[in-house]
Amino acid sequence: MFKTRLLSGILLVVIALITVITGGNVLFATLFLISMIGVYELYRVFEIENKAVGICGFLFAAGYYGLLYAKPLLPDTTDWFMLLFMAFVICLMAVLVFSYPKYRTEQMLAAFFGVFYVAVMLSYIYQTRILPGGVFQVWLVFICAWGCDTCAYCVGMLIGKHKMAPKLSPKKSVEGGIGGIAGAALIAVLYALAINHWGNAGVSVASFAIIGAAGGAISQIGDLAASAIKRNHDIKDYGKLIPGHGGILDRFDSIIFTAPIIFYLSVLL
């Protein structure tokens, strides 16, 4: 099991390196595929993956990525994304009305939530990558998520005593959470020093420390949120796509939260 998990993890890192370094259409297409699989995994939890409401969600998730890709060519006179999501809500309500009482209210909410939670939030990896200096900043998404997780685990194993969320995740401790935040900030600082030295990036070390800490904190909420959904529906993993890791949402749960945070903090700082 450990060997399978390790090999899958190495493969994920290789794919991340290739797609993020390449950027452009390669990264965009990869994120689109990952997002659609993630939406499917979440929809399967709510039993709407093969139903009209789920199909509606898939279409609008694809529409969102199409709109994101075409954004540079569209006039700024209209808020195209707001228009898209209003149309999505109207479409969902039309399905609810004309198929009543086939669907439950929570299924309609899950359809909308799935597109925003998975497709929209993951797309910020691409949006961060295309920022000025994004070739450096985008790695903070992974540093904050995976770095925090590793540091939190190590600190929690060593000195963890106080439970962070005892009913949801008994093994996670407050000490581990703090250690994860500090670890993510430290790794971000080391990363900033490295790219300034070897890549002439000219980034602010203090800004990267702040982004690392904030990203590390929010990544833990993402991890616990995904766990809460699974526990509410009595499932162990969202899928079996990644051997030893589960599904897309099992591996990208914290990244889903860190991606938009890194984008906006990079713009602001």
Protein backbone atom coordinates (compact mmCIF):
# COMPACT_ATOMS: atom_id res chain seq x y z
CA MET A 1 0.00 0.00 0.00
CA PHE A 2 2.81 2.40 0.94
CA LYS A 3 4.69 1.59 -2.27
CA THR A 4 1.57 2.21 -4.37
CA ARG A 5 0.90 5.51 -2.58
CA LEU A 6 4.52 6.59 -3.00
CA LEU A 7 4.63 5.80 -6.73
CA SER A 8 1.31 7.57 -7.30
CA GLY A 9 2.59 10.57 -5.36
CA ILE A 10 5.76 10.73 -7.46
CA LEU A 11 3.69 10.53 -10.66
CA LEU A 12 1.47 13.38 -9.43
CA VAL A 13 4.52 15.54 -8.73
CA VAL A 14 5.93 14.81 -12.21
CA ILE A 15 2.61 15.73 -13.86
CA ALA A 16 2.43 18.91 -11.77
CA LEU A 17 5.97 19.88 -12.75
CA ILE A 18 5.38 19.31 -16.46
CA THR A 19 2.01 21.03 -16.68
CA VAL A 20 2.73 24.01 -14.41
CA ILE A 21 6.15 24.73 -15.91
CA THR A 22 4.72 24.47 -19.43
CA GLY A 23 1.68 26.58 -18.50
CA GLY A 24 -0.58 27.93 -21.23
CA ASN A 25 -2.93 25.54 -22.98
CA VAL A 26 -1.32 22.45 -21.43
CA LEU A 27 -2.04 23.63 -17.88
CA PHE A 28 -5.47 24.91 -18.86
CA ALA A 29 -6.49 21.59 -20.45
CA THR A 30 -5.13 19.59 -17.51
CA LEU A 31 -7.06 21.68 -14.99
CA PHE A 32 -10.20 21.43 -17.09
CA LEU A 33 -9.94 17.62 -17.10
CA ILE A 34 -9.17 17.45 -13.36
CA SER A 35 -12.08 19.79 -12.62
CA MET A 36 -14.57 17.76 -14.61
CA ILE A 37 -13.48 14.55 -12.86
CA GLY A 38 -13.69 16.31 -9.49
CA VAL A 39 -17.19 17.59 -10.23
CA TYR A 40 -18.20 14.06 -11.21
CA GLU A 41 -16.83 12.65 -7.95
CA LEU A 42 -18.77 15.18 -5.90
CA TYR A 43 -21.95 14.69 -7.90
CA ARG A 44 -21.69 10.94 -7.33
CA VAL A 45 -21.85 11.59 -3.57
CA PHE A 46 -25.22 13.29 -4.07
CA GLU A 47 -26.37 10.76 -6.70
CA ILE A 48 -26.80 13.28 -9.50
CA GLU A 49 -23.85 12.39 -11.76
CA ASN A 50 -26.06 10.76 -14.43
CA LYS A 51 -29.18 12.87 -13.97
CA ALA A 52 -30.40 16.02 -15.68
CA VAL A 53 -29.33 18.28 -12.83
CA GLY A 54 -25.82 16.80 -12.95
CA ILE A 55 -25.60 17.11 -16.72
CA CYS A 56 -26.59 20.74 -16.33
CA GLY A 57 -23.71 21.17 -13.90
CA PHE A 58 -21.20 19.54 -16.26
CA LEU A 59 -22.29 21.80 -19.11
CA PHE A 60 -21.90 24.96 -17.05
CA ALA A 61 -18.56 23.80 -15.62
CA ALA A 62 -17.35 23.40 -19.20
CA GLY A 63 -18.95 26.74 -20.04
CA TYR A 64 -17.04 28.40 -17.22
CA TYR A 65 -13.71 27.14 -18.56
CA GLY A 66 -14.69 28.19 -22.07
CA LEU A 67 -15.50 31.66 -20.78
CA LEU A 68 -12.24 31.83 -18.83
CA TYR A 69 -10.29 30.90 -21.95
CA ALA A 70 -12.11 33.44 -24.09
CA LYS A 71 -12.03 36.21 -21.46
CA PRO A 72 -9.19 38.23 -23.11
CA LEU A 73 -11.26 38.44 -26.30
CA LEU A 74 -14.54 39.51 -24.68
CA PRO A 75 -15.61 43.14 -24.15
CA ASP A 76 -15.41 44.43 -20.58
CA THR A 77 -18.87 45.97 -20.73
CA THR A 78 -20.54 42.84 -19.30
CA ASP A 79 -19.82 40.72 -16.24
CA TRP A 80 -19.76 37.48 -18.21
CA PHE A 81 -19.13 35.22 -15.24
CA MET A 82 -22.05 36.63 -13.28
CA LEU A 83 -24.21 36.16 -16.36
CA LEU A 84 -23.05 32.55 -16.64
CA PHE A 85 -23.88 31.70 -13.04
CA MET A 86 -27.25 33.42 -13.15
CA ALA A 87 -28.05 31.32 -16.21
CA PHE A 88 -26.86 28.25 -14.30
CA VAL A 89 -29.23 28.96 -11.40
CA ILE A 90 -32.13 29.53 -13.79
CA CYS A 91 -31.32 26.27 -15.58
CA LEU A 92 -31.23 24.34 -12.29
CA MET A 93 -34.52 25.85 -11.14
CA ALA A 94 -36.09 24.98 -14.49
CA VAL A 95 -35.01 21.36 -14.04
CA LEU A 96 -36.44 21.39 -10.50
CA VAL A 97 -39.76 22.85 -11.64
CA PHE A 98 -40.37 20.75 -14.75
CA SER A 99 -39.29 17.46 -13.18
CA TYR A 100 -40.89 18.04 -9.77
CA PRO A 101 -40.78 16.15 -7.40
CA LYS A 102 -37.92 14.11 -8.85
CA TYR A 103 -35.08 16.08 -7.19
CA ARG A 104 -34.47 17.12 -3.61
CA THR A 105 -33.46 20.67 -2.78
CA GLU A 106 -30.04 19.57 -1.51
CA GLN A 107 -29.31 17.97 -4.88
CA MET A 108 -29.94 21.27 -6.64
CA LEU A 109 -27.67 23.05 -4.17
CA ALA A 110 -25.02 20.36 -4.63
CA ALA A 111 -25.10 20.85 -8.40
CA PHE A 112 -24.32 24.56 -8.07
CA PHE A 113 -21.84 24.03 -5.22
CA GLY A 114 -19.92 21.41 -7.20
CA VAL A 115 -19.21 23.74 -10.11
CA PHE A 116 -18.07 26.59 -7.88
CA TYR A 117 -16.23 24.49 -5.29
CA VAL A 118 -14.29 22.36 -7.77
CA ALA A 119 -14.19 23.96 -11.23
CA VAL A 120 -14.02 27.63 -10.31
CA MET A 121 -11.66 27.36 -7.36
CA LEU A 122 -9.24 24.97 -9.10
CA SER A 123 -9.09 27.30 -12.11
CA TYR A 124 -7.16 29.78 -9.97
CA ILE A 125 -4.06 27.65 -10.45
CA TYR A 126 -4.18 28.65 -14.12
CA GLN A 127 -5.14 32.23 -13.28
CA THR A 128 -2.18 32.51 -10.90
CA ARG A 129 0.16 31.03 -13.51
CA ILE A 130 -0.72 33.73 -16.07
CA LEU A 131 -0.10 36.60 -13.63
CA PRO A 132 3.08 38.65 -14.09
CA GLY A 133 5.62 36.55 -12.22
CA GLY A 134 3.09 33.75 -12.01
CA VAL A 135 5.68 31.18 -13.06
CA PHE A 136 7.11 31.61 -9.55
CA GLN A 137 3.97 32.44 -7.54
CA VAL A 138 1.92 29.47 -8.75
CA TRP A 139 4.14 27.04 -6.84
CA LEU A 140 2.95 28.61 -3.59
CA VAL A 141 -0.36 26.83 -4.17
CA PHE A 142 1.37 23.47 -3.78
CA ILE A 143 3.89 24.63 -1.18
CA CYS A 144 1.11 25.87 1.10
CA ALA A 145 -1.10 22.80 0.64
CA TRP A 146 1.36 19.93 0.62
CA GLY A 147 4.04 21.64 2.74
CA CYS A 148 1.54 22.48 5.46
CA ASP A 149 0.13 18.95 5.43
CA THR A 150 3.58 17.39 5.85
CA CYS A 151 4.69 19.80 8.60
CA ALA A 152 1.37 19.50 10.42
CA TYR A 153 1.68 15.70 10.40
CA CYS A 154 5.25 15.75 11.73
CA VAL A 155 4.59 18.31 14.48
CA GLY A 156 1.33 16.59 15.43
CA MET A 157 3.08 13.24 15.78
CA LEU A 158 5.79 14.76 17.96
CA ILE A 159 3.94 17.12 20.30
CA GLY A 160 0.25 17.04 19.34
CA LYS A 161 -2.02 16.94 22.39
CA HIS A 162 -5.04 19.17 21.85
CA LYS A 163 -7.53 17.96 19.24
CA MET A 164 -8.42 20.43 16.51
CA ALA A 165 -11.66 18.80 15.37
CA PRO A 166 -12.12 15.69 17.55
CA LYS A 167 -15.34 14.45 15.97
CA LEU A 168 -14.32 15.14 12.40
CA SER A 169 -10.62 14.25 12.39
CA PRO A 170 -9.42 12.86 15.74
CA LYS A 171 -5.78 12.62 14.64
CA LYS A 172 -5.40 16.33 13.81
CA SER A 173 -4.12 18.50 16.64
CA VAL A 174 -3.95 22.22 17.33
CA GLU A 175 -0.18 21.92 17.71
CA GLY A 176 0.02 20.18 14.35
CA GLY A 177 -2.11 22.89 12.75
CA ILE A 178 0.14 25.63 14.10
CA GLY A 179 3.20 23.69 13.03
CA GLY A 180 1.73 23.31 9.55
CA ILE A 181 1.16 27.06 9.24
CA ALA A 182 4.67 27.85 10.49
CA GLY A 183 6.14 25.18 8.23
CA ALA A 184 4.34 26.48 5.15
CA ALA A 185 5.55 30.02 5.92
CA LEU A 186 9.12 28.79 6.40
CA ILE A 187 9.11 26.78 3.16
CA ALA A 188 7.68 29.81 1.32
CA VAL A 189 10.52 31.96 2.70
CA LEU A 190 13.15 29.42 1.63
CA TYR A 191 11.48 29.23 -1.78
CA ALA A 192 11.56 33.02 -2.11
CA LEU A 193 15.25 33.12 -1.21
CA ALA A 194 15.98 30.36 -3.71
CA ILE A 195 14.19 31.95 -6.67
CA ASN A 196 15.67 35.35 -5.85
CA HIS A 197 19.14 33.84 -5.83
CA TRP A 198 18.95 31.46 -8.79
CA GLY A 199 16.00 32.81 -10.75
CA ASN A 200 16.44 36.56 -10.26
CA ALA A 201 12.74 36.70 -9.41
CA GLY A 202 12.98 39.78 -7.21
CA VAL A 203 10.09 38.69 -4.99
CA SER A 204 9.41 39.98 -1.49
CA VAL A 205 10.45 37.43 1.14
CA ALA A 206 8.08 38.99 3.69
CA SER A 207 5.16 38.75 1.25
CA PHE A 208 5.90 35.10 0.56
CA ALA A 209 6.01 34.44 4.32
CA ILE A 210 2.57 36.01 4.74
CA ILE A 211 1.17 34.14 1.75
CA GLY A 212 2.68 30.88 3.02
CA ALA A 213 1.14 31.26 6.47
CA ALA A 214 -2.27 32.29 5.14
CA GLY A 215 -2.25 29.54 2.53
CA GLY A 216 -1.23 26.97 5.12
CA ALA A 217 -4.08 27.98 7.42
CA ILE A 218 -6.73 27.91 4.70
CA SER A 219 -5.44 24.61 3.30
CA GLN A 220 -6.31 22.89 6.57
CA ILE A 221 -9.88 24.14 6.33
CA GLY A 222 -10.02 22.72 2.80
CA ASP A 223 -8.80 19.35 4.01
CA LEU A 224 -11.30 19.22 6.88
CA ALA A 225 -14.16 20.46 4.70
CA ALA A 226 -13.66 17.62 2.23
CA SER A 227 -13.55 15.18 5.15
CA ALA A 228 -16.77 16.60 6.58
CA ILE A 229 -18.62 15.98 3.31
CA LYS A 230 -17.35 12.39 3.21
CA ARG A 231 -18.33 11.74 6.82
CA ASN A 232 -21.79 13.20 6.28
CA HIS A 233 -22.33 10.67 3.50
CA ASP A 234 -20.46 7.73 5.03
CA ILE A 235 -17.82 7.33 2.32
CA LYS A 236 -14.09 6.73 2.74
CA ASP A 237 -12.83 8.19 -0.53
CA TYR A 238 -14.32 10.24 -3.34
CA GLY A 239 -12.95 7.85 -5.95
CA LYS A 240 -10.24 5.36 -6.89
CA LEU A 241 -8.59 7.21 -9.77
CA ILE A 242 -5.28 7.71 -7.95
CA PRO A 243 -4.03 4.42 -6.42
CA GLY A 244 -3.27 4.82 -2.74
CA HIS A 245 -4.74 8.32 -2.61
CA GLY A 246 -8.37 7.96 -3.67
CA GLY A 247 -9.99 10.35 -6.08
CA ILE A 248 -9.20 13.81 -7.39
CA LEU A 249 -10.97 15.47 -4.46
CA ASP A 250 -9.08 13.34 -1.95
CA ARG A 251 -5.75 14.58 -3.28
CA PHE A 252 -6.70 18.15 -4.24
CA ASP A 253 -8.98 19.01 -1.30
CA SER A 254 -6.55 21.51 0.26
CA ILE A 255 -5.34 22.83 -3.10
CA ILE A 256 -8.92 23.76 -3.99
CA PHE A 257 -8.85 26.23 -1.09
CA THR A 258 -5.28 27.49 -1.45
CA ALA A 259 -5.45 28.26 -5.19
CA PRO A 260 -7.80 31.30 -5.00
CA ILE A 261 -6.13 32.54 -1.78
CA ILE A 262 -2.69 32.50 -3.41
CA PHE A 263 -4.07 34.29 -6.47
CA TYR A 264 -5.64 37.17 -4.56
CA LEU A 265 -2.78 37.53 -2.07
CA SER A 266 -0.31 37.57 -4.97
CA VAL A 267 -2.29 40.38 -6.60
CA LEU A 268 -2.61 42.34 -3.35
CA LEU A 269 0.92 41.85 -2.02
